[in-house]
Amino acid sequence: QLVSPTKPTASGLPPAASVTSASSSVVPASSSPLPFHTAMLQRMIDESVDELRLAMHQHIRNVHVNLIRQIGDQTAELLAAQAQQYEVTEALLLEMQFLREEVRRMQERY
């Protein structure tokens, strides 16, 4: 019995394999080349996936570059704040040293 690959079976689905001769030699449907429109659709899908993959790669790279830039900016801000704090601390230490010496001199006089 010959089964046409284009006609659906009793279940309404296309057959998984087609019979090519009356001697019942079965050729799987997957071994035949894809029809032109299916191959063209597959190429279009592959190209779209490649484009999306490249776009995502570029976006992720841009995110990484922005993160590195922000970390550099924050590091510079922290170093500037630390330097300013160091100057204040140094000034306070000098004032405290001066006041201790003044207290010591006053204790010696009185």
PDB file of N, CA and C in Angstrom:
ATOM      1  N   GLN A   1       0.859  -1.171   0.000  1.00  0.00           N
ATOM      2  CA  GLN A   1       0.000   0.000   0.000  1.00  0.00           C
ATOM      3  C   GLN A   1       0.901   1.229   0.000  1.00  0.00           C
ATOM      4  N   LEU A   2       0.626   2.179  -0.826  1.00  0.00           N
ATOM      5  CA  LEU A   2       1.397   3.408  -0.920  1.00  0.00           C
ATOM      6  C   LEU A   2       0.719   4.503  -0.101  1.00  0.00           C
ATOM      7  N   VAL A   3       1.520   5.207   0.699  1.00  0.00           N
ATOM      8  CA  VAL A   3       0.993   6.314   1.489  1.00  0.00           C
ATOM      9  C   VAL A   3       1.635   7.585   0.964  1.00  0.00           C
ATOM     10  N   SER A   4       0.825   8.560   0.639  1.00  0.00           N
ATOM     11  CA  SER A   4       1.322   9.820   0.114  1.00  0.00           C
ATOM     12  C   SER A   4       1.856  10.669   1.268  1.00  0.00           C
ATOM     13  N   PRO A   5       3.056  11.257   1.162  1.00  0.00           N
ATOM     14  CA  PRO A   5       3.608  12.061   2.241  1.00  0.00           C
ATOM     15  C   PRO A   5       2.857  13.370   2.459  1.00  0.00           C
ATOM     16  N   THR A   6       2.067  13.803   1.500  1.00  0.00           N
ATOM     17  CA  THR A   6       1.361  15.065   1.652  1.00  0.00           C
ATOM     18  C   THR A   6      -0.017  14.894   2.259  1.00  0.00           C
ATOM     19  N   LYS A   7      -0.577  13.660   2.235  1.00  0.00           N
ATOM     20  CA  LYS A   7      -1.899  13.444   2.804  1.00  0.00           C
ATOM     21  C   LYS A   7      -1.759  13.042   4.259  1.00  0.00           C
ATOM     22  N   PRO A   8      -2.593  13.607   5.148  1.00  0.00           N
ATOM     23  CA  PRO A   8      -2.530  13.217   6.549  1.00  0.00           C
ATOM     24  C   PRO A   8      -3.056  11.807   6.758  1.00  0.00           C
ATOM     25  N   THR A   9      -2.620  11.203   7.837  1.00  0.00           N
ATOM     26  CA  THR A   9      -3.090   9.865   8.185  1.00  0.00           C
ATOM     27  C   THR A   9      -4.454   9.986   8.853  1.00  0.00           C
ATOM     28  N   ALA A  10      -4.985   8.882   9.340  1.00  0.00           N
ATOM     29  CA  ALA A  10      -6.303   8.884   9.960  1.00  0.00           C
ATOM     30  C   ALA A  10      -6.338   9.782  11.190  1.00  0.00           C
ATOM     31  N   SER A  11      -5.201   9.975  11.871  1.00  0.00           N
ATOM     32  CA  SER A  11      -5.167  10.830  13.056  1.00  0.00           C
ATOM     33  C   SER A  11      -5.139  12.313  12.698  1.00  0.00           C
ATOM     34  N   GLY A  12      -4.991  12.641  11.416  1.00  0.00           N
ATOM     35  CA  GLY A  12      -4.941  14.023  10.979  1.00  0.00           C
ATOM     36  C   GLY A  12      -3.541  14.582  10.909  1.00  0.00           C
ATOM     37  N   LEU A  13      -2.537  13.797  11.316  1.00  0.00           N
ATOM     38  CA  LEU A  13      -1.146  14.239  11.282  1.00  0.00           C
ATOM     39  C   LEU A  13      -0.462  13.666  10.064  1.00  0.00           C
ATOM     40  N   PRO A  14       0.554  14.339   9.531  1.00  0.00           N
ATOM     41  CA  PRO A  14       1.290  13.780   8.393  1.00  0.00           C
ATOM     42  C   PRO A  14       2.046  12.531   8.836  1.00  0.00           C
ATOM     43  N   PRO A  15       2.231  11.597   7.955  1.00  0.00           N
ATOM     44  CA  PRO A  15       2.938  10.369   8.322  1.00  0.00           C
ATOM     45  C   PRO A  15       4.403  10.646   8.611  1.00  0.00           C
ATOM     46  N   ALA A  16       4.991   9.864   9.535  1.00  0.00           N
ATOM     47  CA  ALA A  16       6.393  10.032   9.898  1.00  0.00           C
ATOM     48  C   ALA A  16       7.307   9.451   8.836  1.00  0.00           C
ATOM     49  N   ALA A  17       6.834   8.475   8.084  1.00  0.00           N
ATOM     50  CA  ALA A  17       7.639   7.868   7.034  1.00  0.00           C
ATOM     51  C   ALA A  17       6.736   7.608   5.836  1.00  0.00           C
ATOM     52  N   SER A  18       7.338   7.586   4.670  1.00  0.00           N
ATOM     53  CA  SER A  18       6.547   7.320   3.478  1.00  0.00           C
ATOM     54  C   SER A  18       7.013   6.014   2.853  1.00  0.00           C
ATOM     55  N   VAL A  19       6.077   5.302   2.273  1.00  0.00           N
ATOM     56  CA  VAL A  19       6.403   4.049   1.602  1.00  0.00           C
ATOM     57  C   VAL A  19       6.689   4.391   0.160  1.00  0.00           C
ATOM     58  N   THR A  20       7.849   3.918  -0.350  1.00  0.00           N
ATOM     59  CA  THR A  20       8.256   4.309  -1.685  1.00  0.00           C
ATOM     60  C   THR A  20       7.964   3.253  -2.733  1.00  0.00           C
ATOM     61  N   SER A  21       7.741   2.027  -2.320  1.00  0.00           N
ATOM     62  CA  SER A  21       7.458   1.001  -3.325  1.00  0.00           C
ATOM     63  C   SER A  21       6.534  -0.034  -2.726  1.00  0.00           C
ATOM     64  N   ALA A  22       6.054  -0.898  -3.566  1.00  0.00           N
ATOM     65  CA  ALA A  22       5.135  -1.941  -3.120  1.00  0.00           C
ATOM     66  C   ALA A  22       5.851  -2.983  -2.278  1.00  0.00           C
ATOM     67  N   SER A  23       7.186  -3.028  -2.299  1.00  0.00           N
ATOM     68  CA  SER A  23       7.918  -4.007  -1.505  1.00  0.00           C
ATOM     69  C   SER A  23       8.065  -3.572  -0.061  1.00  0.00           C
ATOM     70  N   SER A  24       7.417  -2.483   0.337  1.00  0.00           N
ATOM     71  CA  SER A  24       7.371  -1.972   1.710  1.00  0.00           C
ATOM     72  C   SER A  24       8.725  -1.519   2.230  1.00  0.00           C
ATOM     73  N   SER A  25       9.587  -0.993   1.397  1.00  0.00           N
ATOM     74  CA  SER A  25      10.813  -0.377   1.906  1.00  0.00           C
ATOM     75  C   SER A  25      10.435   1.021   2.395  1.00  0.00           C
ATOM     76  N   VAL A  26      10.782   1.313   3.645  1.00  0.00           N
ATOM     77  CA  VAL A  26      10.369   2.565   4.262  1.00  0.00           C
ATOM     78  C   VAL A  26      11.555   3.521   4.275  1.00  0.00           C
ATOM     79  N   VAL A  27      11.324   4.766   3.851  1.00  0.00           N
ATOM     80  CA  VAL A  27      12.332   5.816   3.865  1.00  0.00           C
ATOM     81  C   VAL A  27      11.851   6.863   4.870  1.00  0.00           C
ATOM     82  N   PRO A  28      12.621   7.122   5.929  1.00  0.00           N
ATOM     83  CA  PRO A  28      12.195   8.129   6.897  1.00  0.00           C
ATOM     84  C   PRO A  28      12.066   9.494   6.246  1.00  0.00           C
ATOM     85  N   ALA A  29      11.090  10.271   6.712  1.00  0.00           N
ATOM     86  CA  ALA A  29      10.844  11.592   6.150  1.00  0.00           C
ATOM     87  C   ALA A  29      12.016  12.529   6.421  1.00  0.00           C
ATOM     88  N   SER A  30      12.757  12.304   7.503  1.00  0.00           N
ATOM     89  CA  SER A  30      13.861  13.195   7.848  1.00  0.00           C
ATOM     90  C   SER A  30      15.057  13.042   6.913  1.00  0.00           C
ATOM     91  N   SER A  31      15.130  11.940   6.153  1.00  0.00           N
ATOM     92  CA  SER A  31      16.274  11.759   5.269  1.00  0.00           C
ATOM     93  C   SER A  31      16.107  12.531   3.972  1.00  0.00           C
ATOM     94  N   SER A  32      14.918  12.965   3.651  1.00  0.00           N
ATOM     95  CA  SER A  32      14.716  13.732   2.424  1.00  0.00           C
ATOM     96  C   SER A  32      15.086  15.185   2.689  1.00  0.00           C
ATOM     97  N   PRO A  33      15.554  15.903   1.666  1.00  0.00           N
ATOM     98  CA  PRO A  33      15.919  17.301   1.865  1.00  0.00           C
ATOM     99  C   PRO A  33      14.669  18.126   2.192  1.00  0.00           C
ATOM    100  N   LEU A  34      14.891  19.205   2.949  1.00  0.00           N
ATOM    101  CA  LEU A  34      13.782  20.064   3.318  1.00  0.00           C
ATOM    102  C   LEU A  34      13.238  20.773   2.085  1.00  0.00           C
ATOM    103  N   PRO A  35      11.944  20.972   2.015  1.00  0.00           N
ATOM    104  CA  PRO A  35      11.400  21.753   0.897  1.00  0.00           C
ATOM    105  C   PRO A  35      11.992  23.161   0.924  1.00  0.00           C
ATOM    106  N   PHE A  36      11.950  23.805  -0.224  1.00  0.00           N
ATOM    107  CA  PHE A  36      12.575  25.118  -0.371  1.00  0.00           C
ATOM    108  C   PHE A  36      12.037  26.117   0.646  1.00  0.00           C
ATOM    109  N   HIS A  37      10.714  26.188   0.810  1.00  0.00           N
ATOM    110  CA  HIS A  37      10.145  27.189   1.721  1.00  0.00           C
ATOM    111  C   HIS A  37      10.520  26.890   3.173  1.00  0.00           C
ATOM    112  N   THR A  38      10.647  25.634   3.534  1.00  0.00           N
ATOM    113  CA  THR A  38      11.052  25.274   4.895  1.00  0.00           C
ATOM    114  C   THR A  38      12.514  25.649   5.120  1.00  0.00           C
ATOM    115  N   ALA A  39      13.356  25.375   4.124  1.00  0.00           N
ATOM    116  CA  ALA A  39      14.770  25.725   4.237  1.00  0.00           C
ATOM    117  C   ALA A  39      14.939  27.242   4.310  1.00  0.00           C
ATOM    118  N   MET A  40      14.167  27.966   3.507  1.00  0.00           N
ATOM    119  CA  MET A  40      14.243  29.421   3.517  1.00  0.00           C
ATOM    120  C   MET A  40      13.785  29.964   4.875  1.00  0.00           C
ATOM    121  N   LEU A  41      12.720  29.412   5.412  1.00  0.00           N
ATOM    122  CA  LEU A  41      12.232  29.818   6.724  1.00  0.00           C
ATOM    123  C   LEU A  41      13.279  29.514   7.796  1.00  0.00           C
ATOM    124  N   GLN A  42      13.920  28.351   7.699  1.00  0.00           N
ATOM    125  CA  GLN A  42      14.959  27.991   8.668  1.00  0.00           C
ATOM    126  C   GLN A  42      16.130  28.962   8.595  1.00  0.00           C
ATOM    127  N   ARG A  43      16.537  29.348   7.368  1.00  0.00           N
ATOM    128  CA  ARG A  43      17.615  30.326   7.219  1.00  0.00           C
ATOM    129  C   ARG A  43      17.222  31.668   7.822  1.00  0.00           C
ATOM    130  N   MET A  44      15.984  32.088   7.597  1.00  0.00           N
ATOM    131  CA  MET A  44      15.518  33.354   8.159  1.00  0.00           C
ATOM    132  C   MET A  44      15.541  33.312   9.691  1.00  0.00           C
ATOM    133  N   ILE A  45      15.094  32.204  10.246  1.00  0.00           N
ATOM    134  CA  ILE A  45      15.105  32.051  11.704  1.00  0.00           C
ATOM    135  C   ILE A  45      16.539  32.061  12.223  1.00  0.00           C
ATOM    136  N   ASP A  46      17.424  31.330  11.550  1.00  0.00           N
ATOM    137  CA  ASP A  46      18.829  31.294  11.967  1.00  0.00           C
ATOM    138  C   ASP A  46      19.460  32.680  11.917  1.00  0.00           C
ATOM    139  N   GLU A  47      19.182  33.432  10.848  1.00  0.00           N
ATOM    140  CA  GLU A  47      19.725  34.782  10.729  1.00  0.00           C
ATOM    141  C   GLU A  47      19.180  35.678  11.832  1.00  0.00           C
ATOM    142  N   SER A  48      17.887  35.555  12.121  1.00  0.00           N
ATOM    143  CA  SER A  48      17.290  36.366  13.187  1.00  0.00           C
ATOM    144  C   SER A  48      17.897  36.023  14.538  1.00  0.00           C
ATOM    145  N   VAL A  49      18.103  34.744  14.798  1.00  0.00           N
ATOM    146  CA  VAL A  49      18.709  34.321  16.057  1.00  0.00           C
ATOM    147  C   VAL A  49      20.138  34.852  16.145  1.00  0.00           C
ATOM    148  N   ASP A  50      20.885  34.788  15.042  1.00  0.00           N
ATOM    149  CA  ASP A  50      22.252  35.315  15.044  1.00  0.00           C
ATOM    150  C   ASP A  50      22.259  36.823  15.316  1.00  0.00           C
ATOM    151  N   GLU A  51      21.325  37.550  14.677  1.00  0.00           N
ATOM    152  CA  GLU A  51      21.241  38.989  14.901  1.00  0.00           C
ATOM    153  C   GLU A  51      20.912  39.292  16.355  1.00  0.00           C
ATOM    154  N   LEU A  52      19.971  38.558  16.929  1.00  0.00           N
ATOM    155  CA  LEU A  52      19.616  38.754  18.333  1.00  0.00           C
ATOM    156  C   LEU A  52      20.783  38.428  19.253  1.00  0.00           C
ATOM    157  N   ARG A  53      21.505  37.351  18.931  1.00  0.00           N
ATOM    158  CA  ARG A  53      22.658  36.969  19.735  1.00  0.00           C
ATOM    159  C   ARG A  53      23.718  38.069  19.701  1.00  0.00           C
ATOM    160  N   LEU A  54      23.992  38.608  18.513  1.00  0.00           N
ATOM    161  CA  LEU A  54      24.982  39.680  18.401  1.00  0.00           C
ATOM    162  C   LEU A  54      24.518  40.939  19.129  1.00  0.00           C
ATOM    163  N   ALA A  55      23.233  41.263  18.998  1.00  0.00           N
ATOM    164  CA  ALA A  55      22.705  42.444  19.684  1.00  0.00           C
ATOM    165  C   ALA A  55      22.805  42.274  21.194  1.00  0.00           C
ATOM    166  N   MET A  56      22.469  41.102  21.691  1.00  0.00           N
ATOM    167  CA  MET A  56      22.574  40.853  23.127  1.00  0.00           C
ATOM    168  C   MET A  56      24.026  40.933  23.585  1.00  0.00           C
ATOM    169  N   HIS A  57      24.930  40.394  22.775  1.00  0.00           N
ATOM    170  CA  HIS A  57      26.354  40.445  23.109  1.00  0.00           C
ATOM    171  C   HIS A  57      26.811  41.901  23.215  1.00  0.00           C
ATOM    172  N   GLN A  58      26.395  42.741  22.257  1.00  0.00           N
ATOM    173  CA  GLN A  58      26.771  44.150  22.285  1.00  0.00           C
ATOM    174  C   GLN A  58      26.176  44.858  23.499  1.00  0.00           C
ATOM    175  N   HIS A  59      24.920  44.552  23.816  1.00  0.00           N
ATOM    176  CA  HIS A  59      24.283  45.179  24.975  1.00  0.00           C
ATOM    177  C   HIS A  59      24.990  44.767  26.270  1.00  0.00           C
ATOM    178  N   ILE A  60      25.323  43.506  26.380  1.00  0.00           N
ATOM    179  CA  ILE A  60      26.015  43.030  27.586  1.00  0.00           C
ATOM    180  C   ILE A  60      27.393  43.674  27.686  1.00  0.00           C
ATOM    181  N   ARG A  61      28.084  43.782  26.563  1.00  0.00           N
ATOM    182  CA  ARG A  61      29.392  44.434  26.563  1.00  0.00           C
ATOM    183  C   ARG A  61      29.253  45.895  26.987  1.00  0.00           C
ATOM    184  N   ASN A  62      28.225  46.584  26.488  1.00  0.00           N
ATOM    185  CA  ASN A  62      28.003  47.980  26.868  1.00  0.00           C
ATOM    186  C   ASN A  62      27.699  48.101  28.360  1.00  0.00           C
ATOM    187  N   VAL A  63      26.940  47.161  28.900  1.00  0.00           N
ATOM    188  CA  VAL A  63      26.653  47.160  30.336  1.00  0.00           C
ATOM    189  C   VAL A  63      27.951  46.992  31.125  1.00  0.00           C
ATOM    190  N   HIS A  64      28.805  46.089  30.679  1.00  0.00           N
ATOM    191  CA  HIS A  64      30.086  45.877  31.360  1.00  0.00           C
ATOM    192  C   HIS A  64      30.948  47.140  31.303  1.00  0.00           C
ATOM    193  N   VAL A  65      30.986  47.784  30.149  1.00  0.00           N
ATOM    194  CA  VAL A  65      31.781  49.009  30.007  1.00  0.00           C
ATOM    195  C   VAL A  65      31.235  50.087  30.937  1.00  0.00           C
ATOM    196  N   ASN A  66      29.902  50.222  30.994  1.00  0.00           N
ATOM    197  CA  ASN A  66      29.304  51.219  31.884  1.00  0.00           C
ATOM    198  C   ASN A  66      29.594  50.905  33.345  1.00  0.00           C
ATOM    199  N   LEU A  67      29.536  49.634  33.715  1.00  0.00           N
ATOM    200  CA  LEU A  67      29.852  49.259  35.096  1.00  0.00           C
ATOM    201  C   LEU A  67      31.292  49.606  35.441  1.00  0.00           C
ATOM    202  N   ILE A  68      32.209  49.315  34.548  1.00  0.00           N
ATOM    203  CA  ILE A  68      33.623  49.620  34.785  1.00  0.00           C
ATOM    204  C   ILE A  68      33.811  51.127  34.910  1.00  0.00           C
ATOM    205  N   ARG A  69      33.144  51.890  34.052  1.00  0.00           N
ATOM    206  CA  ARG A  69      33.243  53.352  34.115  1.00  0.00           C
ATOM    207  C   ARG A  69      32.686  53.873  35.443  1.00  0.00           C
ATOM    208  N   GLN A  70      31.541  53.362  35.859  1.00  0.00           N
ATOM    209  CA  GLN A  70      30.944  53.806  37.121  1.00  0.00           C
ATOM    210  C   GLN A  70      31.826  53.440  38.314  1.00  0.00           C
ATOM    211  N   ILE A  71      32.410  52.250  38.281  1.00  0.00           N
ATOM    212  CA  ILE A  71      33.308  51.842  39.367  1.00  0.00           C
ATOM    213  C   ILE A  71      34.529  52.767  39.416  1.00  0.00           C
ATOM    214  N   GLY A  72      35.050  53.126  38.253  1.00  0.00           N
ATOM    215  CA  GLY A  72      36.184  54.068  38.208  1.00  0.00           C
ATOM    216  C   GLY A  72      35.801  55.427  38.766  1.00  0.00           C
ATOM    217  N   ASP A  73      34.609  55.913  38.398  1.00  0.00           N
ATOM    218  CA  ASP A  73      34.147  57.205  38.917  1.00  0.00           C
ATOM    219  C   ASP A  73      33.969  57.146  40.431  1.00  0.00           C
ATOM    220  N   GLN A  74      33.364  56.086  40.919  1.00  0.00           N
ATOM    221  CA  GLN A  74      33.146  55.957  42.357  1.00  0.00           C
ATOM    222  C   GLN A  74      34.476  55.837  43.109  1.00  0.00           C
ATOM    223  N   THR A  75      35.424  55.140  42.523  1.00  0.00           N
ATOM    224  CA  THR A  75      36.743  55.015  43.150  1.00  0.00           C
ATOM    225  C   THR A  75      37.402  56.381  43.262  1.00  0.00           C
ATOM    226  N   ALA A  76      37.314  57.173  42.194  1.00  0.00           N
ATOM    227  CA  ALA A  76      37.899  58.518  42.224  1.00  0.00           C
ATOM    228  C   ALA A  76      37.210  59.378  43.281  1.00  0.00           C
ATOM    229  N   GLU A  77      35.877  59.286  43.376  1.00  0.00           N
ATOM    230  CA  GLU A  77      35.147  60.055  44.388  1.00  0.00           C
ATOM    231  C   GLU A  77      35.543  59.628  45.801  1.00  0.00           C
ATOM    232  N   LEU A  78      35.660  58.325  46.011  1.00  0.00           N
ATOM    233  CA  LEU A  78      36.047  57.835  47.331  1.00  0.00           C
ATOM    234  C   LEU A  78      37.459  58.276  47.704  1.00  0.00           C
ATOM    235  N   LEU A  79      38.373  58.229  46.741  1.00  0.00           N
ATOM    236  CA  LEU A  79      39.742  58.666  47.017  1.00  0.00           C
ATOM    237  C   LEU A  79      39.784  60.151  47.343  1.00  0.00           C
ATOM    238  N   ALA A  80      38.981  60.952  46.638  1.00  0.00           N
ATOM    239  CA  ALA A  80      38.939  62.387  46.925  1.00  0.00           C
ATOM    240  C   ALA A  80      38.354  62.640  48.314  1.00  0.00           C
ATOM    241  N   ALA A  81      37.284  61.926  48.662  1.00  0.00           N
ATOM    242  CA  ALA A  81      36.681  62.081  49.991  1.00  0.00           C
ATOM    243  C   ALA A  81      37.650  61.624  51.075  1.00  0.00           C
ATOM    244  N   GLN A  82      38.375  60.557  50.815  1.00  0.00           N
ATOM    245  CA  GLN A  82      39.342  60.051  51.783  1.00  0.00           C
ATOM    246  C   GLN A  82      40.474  61.062  51.976  1.00  0.00           C
ATOM    247  N   ALA A  83      40.954  61.661  50.893  1.00  0.00           N
ATOM    248  CA  ALA A  83      42.020  62.660  50.999  1.00  0.00           C
ATOM    249  C   ALA A  83      41.545  63.873  51.790  1.00  0.00           C
ATOM    250  N   GLN A  84      40.304  64.295  51.535  1.00  0.00           N
ATOM    251  CA  GLN A  84      39.752  65.433  52.268  1.00  0.00           C
ATOM    252  C   GLN A  84      39.626  65.095  53.754  1.00  0.00           C
ATOM    253  N   GLN A  85      39.153  63.896  54.048  1.00  0.00           N
ATOM    254  CA  GLN A  85      39.026  63.473  55.449  1.00  0.00           C
ATOM    255  C   GLN A  85      40.397  63.405  56.130  1.00  0.00           C
ATOM    256  N   TYR A  86      41.397  62.962  55.378  1.00  0.00           N
ATOM    257  CA  TYR A  86      42.751  62.883  55.921  1.00  0.00           C
ATOM    258  C   TYR A  86      43.261  64.271  56.278  1.00  0.00           C
ATOM    259  N   GLU A  87      42.991  65.258  55.424  1.00  0.00           N
ATOM    260  CA  GLU A  87      43.415  66.632  55.697  1.00  0.00           C
ATOM    261  C   GLU A  87      42.753  67.157  56.967  1.00  0.00           C
ATOM    262  N   VAL A  88      41.461  66.891  57.112  1.00  0.00           N
ATOM    263  CA  VAL A  88      40.741  67.335  58.307  1.00  0.00           C
ATOM    264  C   VAL A  88      41.320  66.657  59.541  1.00  0.00           C
ATOM    265  N   THR A  89      41.545  65.356  59.446  1.00  0.00           N
ATOM    266  CA  THR A  89      42.096  64.603  60.578  1.00  0.00           C
ATOM    267  C   THR A  89      43.476  65.118  60.943  1.00  0.00           C
ATOM    268  N   GLU A  90      44.288  65.397  59.937  1.00  0.00           N
ATOM    269  CA  GLU A  90      45.636  65.901  60.186  1.00  0.00           C
ATOM    270  C   GLU A  90      45.585  67.265  60.868  1.00  0.00           C
ATOM    271  N   ALA A  91      44.688  68.124  60.431  1.00  0.00           N
ATOM    272  CA  ALA A  91      44.544  69.445  61.055  1.00  0.00           C
ATOM    273  C   ALA A  91      44.091  69.293  62.508  1.00  0.00           C
ATOM    274  N   LEU A  92      43.151  68.382  62.752  1.00  0.00           N
ATOM    275  CA  LEU A  92      42.681  68.166  64.124  1.00  0.00           C
ATOM    276  C   LEU A  92      43.789  67.605  65.013  1.00  0.00           C
ATOM    277  N   LEU A  93      44.600  66.703  64.473  1.00  0.00           N
ATOM    278  CA  LEU A  93      45.710  66.151  65.252  1.00  0.00           C
ATOM    279  C   LEU A  93      46.732  67.230  65.610  1.00  0.00           C
ATOM    280  N   LEU A  94      47.016  68.123  64.666  1.00  0.00           N
ATOM    281  CA  LEU A  94      47.956  69.221  64.938  1.00  0.00           C
ATOM    282  C   LEU A  94      47.395  70.156  66.012  1.00  0.00           C
ATOM    283  N   GLU A  95      46.105  70.464  65.906  1.00  0.00           N
ATOM    284  CA  GLU A  95      45.482  71.325  66.914  1.00  0.00           C
ATOM    285  C   GLU A  95      45.498  70.654  68.287  1.00  0.00           C
ATOM    286  N   MET A  96      45.207  69.354  68.320  1.00  0.00           N
ATOM    287  CA  MET A  96      45.209  68.618  69.578  1.00  0.00           C
ATOM    288  C   MET A  96      46.617  68.595  70.189  1.00  0.00           C
ATOM    289  N   GLN A  97      47.629  68.432  69.367  1.00  0.00           N
ATOM    290  CA  GLN A  97      49.011  68.436  69.858  1.00  0.00           C
ATOM    291  C   GLN A  97      49.355  69.810  70.433  1.00  0.00           C
ATOM    292  N   PHE A  98      48.964  70.863  69.711  1.00  0.00           N
ATOM    293  CA  PHE A  98      49.216  72.221  70.200  1.00  0.00           C
ATOM    294  C   PHE A  98      48.523  72.455  71.536  1.00  0.00           C
ATOM    295  N   LEU A  99      47.259  72.009  71.677  1.00  0.00           N
ATOM    296  CA  LEU A  99      46.520  72.200  72.920  1.00  0.00           C
ATOM    297  C   LEU A  99      47.137  71.397  74.069  1.00  0.00           C
ATOM    298  N   ARG A 100      47.626  70.221  73.811  1.00  0.00           N
ATOM    299  CA  ARG A 100      48.290  69.421  74.861  1.00  0.00           C
ATOM    300  C   ARG A 100      49.543  70.127  75.362  1.00  0.00           C
ATOM    301  N   GLU A 101      50.305  70.668  74.414  1.00  0.00           N
ATOM    302  CA  GLU A 101      51.507  71.395  74.818  1.00  0.00           C
ATOM    303  C   GLU A 101      51.143  72.628  75.637  1.00  0.00           C
ATOM    304  N   GLU A 102      50.085  73.298  75.225  1.00  0.00           N
ATOM    305  CA  GLU A 102      49.637  74.484  75.957  1.00  0.00           C
ATOM    306  C   GLU A 102      49.161  74.095  77.359  1.00  0.00           C
ATOM    307  N   VAL A 103      48.432  72.989  77.483  1.00  0.00           N
ATOM    308  CA  VAL A 103      47.970  72.513  78.793  1.00  0.00           C
ATOM    309  C   VAL A 103      49.173  72.143  79.650  1.00  0.00           C
ATOM    310  N   ARG A 104      50.161  71.490  79.094  1.00  0.00           N
ATOM    311  CA  ARG A 104      51.359  71.104  79.835  1.00  0.00           C
ATOM    312  C   ARG A 104      52.102  72.345  80.337  1.00  0.00           C
ATOM    313  N   ARG A 105      52.249  73.363  79.502  1.00  0.00           N
ATOM    314  CA  ARG A 105      52.925  74.609  79.906  1.00  0.00           C
ATOM    315  C   ARG A 105      52.155  75.314  81.007  1.00  0.00           C
ATOM    316  N   MET A 106      50.826  75.306  80.891  1.00  0.00           N
ATOM    317  CA  MET A 106      50.021  75.955  81.924  1.00  0.00           C
ATOM    318  C   MET A 106      50.135  75.217  83.254  1.00  0.00           C
ATOM    319  N   GLN A 107      50.206  73.899  83.179  1.00  0.00           N
ATOM    320  CA  GLN A 107      50.366  73.113  84.410  1.00  0.00           C
ATOM    321  C   GLN A 107      51.721  73.367  85.051  1.00  0.00           C
ATOM    322  N   GLU A 108      52.743  73.609  84.253  1.00  0.00           N
ATOM    323  CA  GLU A 108      54.068  73.865  84.787  1.00  0.00           C
ATOM    324  C   GLU A 108      54.118  75.253  85.453  1.00  0.00           C
ATOM    325  N   ARG A 109      53.425  76.244  84.932  1.00  0.00           N
ATOM    326  CA  ARG A 109      53.436  77.605  85.462  1.00  0.00           C
ATOM    327  C   ARG A 109      52.613  77.690  86.735  1.00  0.00           C
ATOM    328  N   TYR A 110      51.516  77.015  86.795  1.00  0.00           N
ATOM    329  CA  TYR A 110      50.619  77.206  87.926  1.00  0.00           C
ATOM    330  C   TYR A 110      50.609  76.010  88.760  1.00  0.00           C
TER     331      TYR A 110
END
